[in-house]
Amino acid sequence: MSQYNQADECSKQNECICCKNNCTVNNTNKYLGVSAIIEPEAAFKMCIDNELPISRMGYELLPEDLNRLSDGGLLNDKIINVYFEIVSKYSEQATYSFSTFFHSALRSRGVEWVQRWTSNINIFDNKLILIPIHVPGHWCLVVIDVEEMLVEYYDSLGNVDMQIVDVVIEYLRAEWSKVNDDGFRISVKLIKDIPQQQNGTDCGVFICMYARYRLEKCNKWFCSNQIKSLRKAMLNEIVAGRIIYLVPHVIG
């Protein structure tokens, strides 16, 4: 098992600062031809009229992919990868987002195999690193705060799987040794008091929102009961291929 320093568990106020049906829109009509959040059916029709599949962030999205953003839908790899690429691209902080395939490949094939994906870059040049992780039937999230050398673990069911953290740390240690001569030190925070899912299908939406709010330095979380509206906002942003809604209460 990897060695690390166990930091204090993070506690944040779980107050209702949400992306609601009347959330702020930045020039939405410029990108979607609408002035408010559109319903999933309208987005599907729009995409079909424009001859799906549509290409977003290097992925081809089909109607069945977009349909997963309807209420109760399970998000797949493509939807999560596209959204993470969008939020990383438009983040004010230098951010690197791994694909959903990274962690599974890391566990099954090992550190040296996945290092091929980052052989030409120094991941520590970023301020934040996002790793969306799929375990059987569930999505969770790891965020690396590079400046603090801190691994943050987010789970919308409150689960903790330290094997997930251990293999990430093993990879980080190997990457660190490529670009640094000094010793490798890292801490871990299990992020608590965050919005929790109320069913068995929303975990993918939760990790997307955890990532979005973390990147924008929000000091208050969204509400679990606003997930339906957040799904619509995600759909609009994926169709637009960019961030179009403001996350409220951003810290300078």
Protein backbone atom coordinates (compact mmCIF):
# COMPACT_ATOMS: atom_id res chain seq x y z
CA MET A 1 0.00 0.00 0.00
CA SER A 2 1.27 3.47 -0.84
CA GLN A 3 2.38 5.73 1.98
CA TYR A 4 0.82 9.17 2.43
CA ASN A 5 -0.10 11.67 5.11
CA GLN A 6 -3.74 11.56 6.15
CA ALA A 7 -4.99 15.16 6.23
CA ASP A 8 -8.05 16.31 8.09
CA GLU A 9 -11.27 15.44 6.33
CA CYS A 10 -12.74 18.36 4.49
CA SER A 11 -16.03 19.76 5.69
CA LYS A 12 -18.04 22.25 3.67
CA GLN A 13 -21.46 23.81 4.10
CA ASN A 14 -24.04 21.88 2.12
CA GLU A 15 -26.23 24.88 1.39
CA CYS A 16 -28.57 25.35 -1.53
CA ILE A 17 -26.63 27.34 -4.12
CA CYS A 18 -27.92 25.70 -7.24
CA CYS A 19 -28.21 25.97 -10.98
CA LYS A 20 -31.99 26.43 -11.05
CA ASN A 21 -34.45 26.67 -13.90
CA ASN A 22 -33.88 30.41 -13.98
CA CYS A 23 -30.10 30.25 -13.73
CA THR A 24 -27.97 32.91 -15.35
CA VAL A 25 -27.28 32.39 -19.03
CA ASN A 26 -24.35 33.89 -20.93
CA ASN A 27 -25.42 34.71 -24.48
CA THR A 28 -27.10 31.31 -24.77
CA ASN A 29 -28.94 32.26 -27.94
CA LYS A 30 -25.62 32.81 -29.68
CA TYR A 31 -24.88 29.12 -29.39
CA LEU A 32 -28.20 27.29 -29.11
CA GLY A 33 -30.80 29.58 -30.59
CA VAL A 34 -32.64 29.73 -27.26
CA SER A 35 -32.65 32.11 -24.33
CA ALA A 36 -33.23 29.62 -21.49
CA ILE A 37 -32.56 26.00 -20.61
CA ILE A 38 -34.00 23.80 -23.33
CA GLU A 39 -35.72 20.51 -22.62
CA PRO A 40 -33.96 17.25 -23.53
CA GLU A 41 -36.44 16.50 -26.31
CA ALA A 42 -35.66 19.83 -27.99
CA ALA A 43 -31.93 19.17 -27.77
CA PHE A 44 -32.33 15.72 -29.32
CA LYS A 45 -34.40 17.17 -32.18
CA MET A 46 -31.86 19.94 -32.67
CA CYS A 47 -29.04 17.43 -32.94
CA ILE A 48 -30.99 15.10 -35.21
CA ASP A 49 -31.83 18.03 -37.49
CA ASN A 50 -28.10 18.72 -37.63
CA GLU A 51 -27.35 15.12 -38.60
CA LEU A 52 -26.04 13.20 -35.64
CA PRO A 53 -23.55 12.04 -34.59
CA ILE A 54 -22.27 15.39 -33.43
CA SER A 55 -18.60 15.74 -32.57
CA ARG A 56 -17.68 17.31 -29.25
CA MET A 57 -14.18 17.36 -27.74
CA GLY A 58 -13.08 14.48 -29.93
CA TYR A 59 -16.08 12.25 -29.16
CA GLU A 60 -19.03 11.42 -31.38
CA LEU A 61 -22.34 11.70 -29.54
CA LEU A 62 -25.42 9.78 -30.65
CA PRO A 63 -29.05 10.37 -29.61
CA GLU A 64 -28.81 7.50 -27.13
CA ASP A 65 -25.81 9.20 -25.51
CA LEU A 66 -27.64 12.51 -25.09
CA ASN A 67 -30.73 10.67 -23.87
CA ARG A 68 -28.76 9.62 -20.80
CA LEU A 69 -29.02 13.22 -19.59
CA SER A 70 -32.77 12.82 -19.24
CA ASP A 71 -34.08 12.46 -15.70
CA GLY A 72 -32.92 9.13 -14.24
CA GLY A 73 -30.48 8.30 -17.03
CA LEU A 74 -27.12 6.69 -16.28
CA LEU A 75 -24.29 8.75 -17.76
CA ASN A 76 -21.80 6.85 -19.90
CA ASP A 77 -18.11 7.37 -20.59
CA LYS A 78 -18.66 9.64 -23.58
CA ILE A 79 -20.93 12.10 -21.79
CA ILE A 80 -18.62 12.33 -18.78
CA ASN A 81 -15.47 12.64 -20.89
CA VAL A 82 -16.98 15.41 -23.02
CA TYR A 83 -18.21 17.37 -20.01
CA PHE A 84 -14.89 17.06 -18.17
CA GLU A 85 -13.07 18.28 -21.28
CA ILE A 86 -15.43 21.26 -21.53
CA VAL A 87 -15.09 22.33 -17.89
CA SER A 88 -11.31 21.87 -18.04
CA LYS A 89 -11.01 23.90 -21.23
CA TYR A 90 -12.99 26.82 -19.84
CA SER A 91 -11.53 26.74 -16.33
CA GLU A 92 -9.57 29.79 -15.22
CA GLN A 93 -7.13 27.42 -13.53
CA ALA A 94 -4.71 25.28 -15.56
CA THR A 95 -6.47 21.91 -15.46
CA TYR A 96 -5.71 18.48 -16.87
CA SER A 97 -8.56 16.00 -17.19
CA PHE A 98 -7.90 12.30 -17.63
CA SER A 99 -10.44 10.23 -19.52
CA THR A 100 -12.64 7.71 -17.75
CA PHE A 101 -10.45 4.96 -19.21
CA PHE A 102 -7.34 6.10 -17.34
CA HIS A 103 -8.05 4.64 -13.92
CA SER A 104 -9.32 1.29 -15.18
CA ALA A 105 -6.22 0.97 -17.38
CA LEU A 106 -4.01 1.98 -14.47
CA ARG A 107 -5.46 -0.78 -12.30
CA SER A 108 -5.46 -3.47 -14.98
CA ARG A 109 -2.28 -2.66 -16.94
CA GLY A 110 -0.11 -0.80 -14.45
CA VAL A 111 1.73 2.48 -14.14
CA GLU A 112 4.24 2.06 -16.95
CA TRP A 113 1.51 1.30 -19.48
CA VAL A 114 -0.58 4.41 -18.72
CA GLN A 115 2.50 6.63 -18.57
CA ARG A 116 2.57 6.45 -22.35
CA TRP A 117 -0.44 8.79 -22.36
CA THR A 118 1.49 11.53 -20.57
CA SER A 119 4.98 10.81 -21.91
CA ASN A 120 5.27 14.22 -23.60
CA ILE A 121 3.80 16.41 -20.86
CA ASN A 122 4.47 17.32 -17.25
CA ILE A 123 1.14 16.90 -15.48
CA PHE A 124 2.48 18.92 -12.54
CA ASP A 125 2.48 22.04 -14.71
CA ASN A 126 -1.28 22.16 -13.99
CA LYS A 127 -2.95 23.47 -10.87
CA LEU A 128 -5.62 20.78 -10.82
CA ILE A 129 -5.88 17.26 -12.24
CA LEU A 130 -9.28 15.58 -12.63
CA ILE A 131 -9.72 11.80 -12.67
CA PRO A 132 -13.30 10.53 -13.19
CA ILE A 133 -13.42 6.95 -11.96
CA HIS A 134 -15.84 4.13 -12.74
CA VAL A 135 -16.25 1.23 -10.38
CA PRO A 136 -18.93 -1.43 -10.97
CA GLY A 137 -22.24 0.43 -11.17
CA HIS A 138 -20.93 3.72 -9.80
CA TRP A 139 -18.92 6.88 -10.60
CA CYS A 140 -16.62 8.70 -8.18
CA LEU A 141 -14.03 11.45 -8.58
CA VAL A 142 -10.42 12.11 -7.63
CA VAL A 143 -9.02 15.65 -7.86
CA ILE A 144 -5.31 16.38 -7.41
CA ASP A 145 -4.49 19.84 -6.11
CA VAL A 146 -0.96 20.16 -7.49
CA GLU A 147 0.04 23.26 -5.52
CA GLU A 148 -0.93 21.61 -2.23
CA MET A 149 0.14 18.10 -3.36
CA LEU A 150 -3.21 16.87 -2.17
CA VAL A 151 -5.44 14.05 -3.40
CA GLU A 152 -9.15 14.81 -2.90
CA TYR A 153 -11.69 11.98 -3.00
CA TYR A 154 -15.38 12.64 -3.83
CA ASP A 155 -18.17 10.06 -3.69
CA SER A 156 -21.90 10.78 -3.91
CA LEU A 157 -22.73 7.65 -1.89
CA GLY A 158 -20.22 8.43 0.84
CA ASN A 159 -18.14 5.36 -0.02
CA VAL A 160 -14.38 5.27 0.48
CA ASP A 161 -12.19 2.92 -1.57
CA MET A 162 -8.58 3.52 -0.61
CA GLN A 163 -7.39 1.16 -3.35
CA ILE A 164 -8.53 3.81 -5.83
CA VAL A 165 -6.42 6.40 -4.05
CA ASP A 166 -3.42 4.10 -3.69
CA VAL A 167 -3.06 3.38 -7.41
CA VAL A 168 -3.43 7.08 -8.24
CA ILE A 169 -0.65 7.89 -5.75
CA GLU A 170 1.52 5.18 -7.28
CA TYR A 171 1.09 6.80 -10.69
CA LEU A 172 1.75 10.30 -9.33
CA ARG A 173 4.95 9.11 -7.66
CA ALA A 174 6.19 7.66 -10.95
CA GLU A 175 5.37 10.88 -12.82
CA TRP A 176 7.01 12.98 -10.12
CA SER A 177 10.26 11.04 -10.39
CA LYS A 178 10.43 11.93 -14.10
CA VAL A 179 10.61 15.67 -13.47
CA ASN A 180 11.78 16.13 -9.87
CA ASP A 181 14.83 15.02 -7.92
CA ASP A 182 13.45 15.86 -4.49
CA GLY A 183 11.29 13.50 -2.45
CA PHE A 184 7.65 12.77 -3.21
CA ARG A 185 5.14 13.78 -0.56
CA ILE A 186 1.38 13.82 -0.86
CA SER A 187 -1.64 14.02 1.43
CA VAL A 188 -5.20 12.76 1.08
CA LYS A 189 -8.53 14.37 1.92
CA LEU A 190 -11.79 12.46 1.93
CA ILE A 191 -14.26 15.19 1.00
CA LYS A 192 -17.25 15.04 3.32
CA ASP A 193 -20.50 16.99 3.73
CA ILE A 194 -21.06 17.21 -0.01
CA PRO A 195 -24.38 16.69 -1.84
CA GLN A 196 -25.34 13.01 -1.96
CA GLN A 197 -27.37 11.22 -4.61
CA GLN A 198 -30.92 10.17 -3.74
CA ASN A 199 -31.21 7.30 -6.22
CA GLY A 200 -29.09 4.74 -8.07
CA THR A 201 -28.59 6.66 -11.31
CA ASP A 202 -27.31 10.19 -10.60
CA CYS A 203 -23.68 9.46 -9.66
CA GLY A 204 -22.32 10.56 -13.05
CA VAL A 205 -24.06 13.92 -12.79
CA PHE A 206 -22.71 14.38 -9.27
CA ILE A 207 -19.07 13.88 -10.24
CA CYS A 208 -19.51 16.34 -13.12
CA MET A 209 -20.89 18.92 -10.71
CA TYR A 210 -18.23 18.20 -8.08
CA ALA A 211 -15.60 18.90 -10.74
CA ARG A 212 -17.35 22.04 -12.00
CA TYR A 213 -17.79 23.56 -8.57
CA ARG A 214 -14.25 22.60 -7.50
CA LEU A 215 -12.74 24.27 -10.56
CA GLU A 216 -14.69 27.46 -9.94
CA LYS A 217 -13.71 27.61 -6.25
CA CYS A 218 -17.30 27.66 -5.02
CA ASN A 219 -17.68 27.80 -1.26
CA LYS A 220 -21.23 26.44 -1.33
CA TRP A 221 -22.49 23.35 -3.08
CA PHE A 222 -25.44 22.71 -5.36
CA CYS A 223 -28.51 20.93 -3.93
CA SER A 224 -29.20 17.25 -4.46
CA ASN A 225 -32.81 18.04 -5.35
CA GLN A 226 -31.70 20.23 -8.26
CA ILE A 227 -30.12 17.39 -10.25
CA LYS A 228 -32.90 17.40 -12.84
CA SER A 229 -32.16 21.05 -13.66
CA LEU A 230 -28.42 20.37 -13.64
CA ARG A 231 -28.91 17.58 -16.16
CA LYS A 232 -30.62 20.05 -18.50
CA ALA A 233 -27.82 22.57 -18.03
CA MET A 234 -25.22 19.90 -18.80
CA LEU A 235 -27.11 18.89 -21.92
CA ASN A 236 -27.22 22.48 -23.15
CA GLU A 237 -23.50 22.94 -22.53
CA ILE A 238 -22.56 19.68 -24.24
CA VAL A 239 -24.65 20.56 -27.30
CA ALA A 240 -23.07 24.04 -27.31
CA GLY A 241 -19.60 22.59 -26.75
CA ARG A 242 -18.79 25.20 -24.12
CA ILE A 243 -19.72 26.56 -20.70
CA ILE A 244 -22.79 28.80 -20.98
CA TYR A 245 -24.16 28.93 -17.42
CA LEU A 246 -22.64 30.74 -14.48
CA VAL A 247 -22.01 28.79 -11.32
CA PRO A 248 -23.17 31.09 -8.50
CA HIS A 249 -21.12 32.36 -5.60
CA VAL A 250 -17.65 31.98 -7.03
CA ILE A 251 -14.82 32.98 -4.70
CA GLY A 252 -12.53 35.61 -6.27
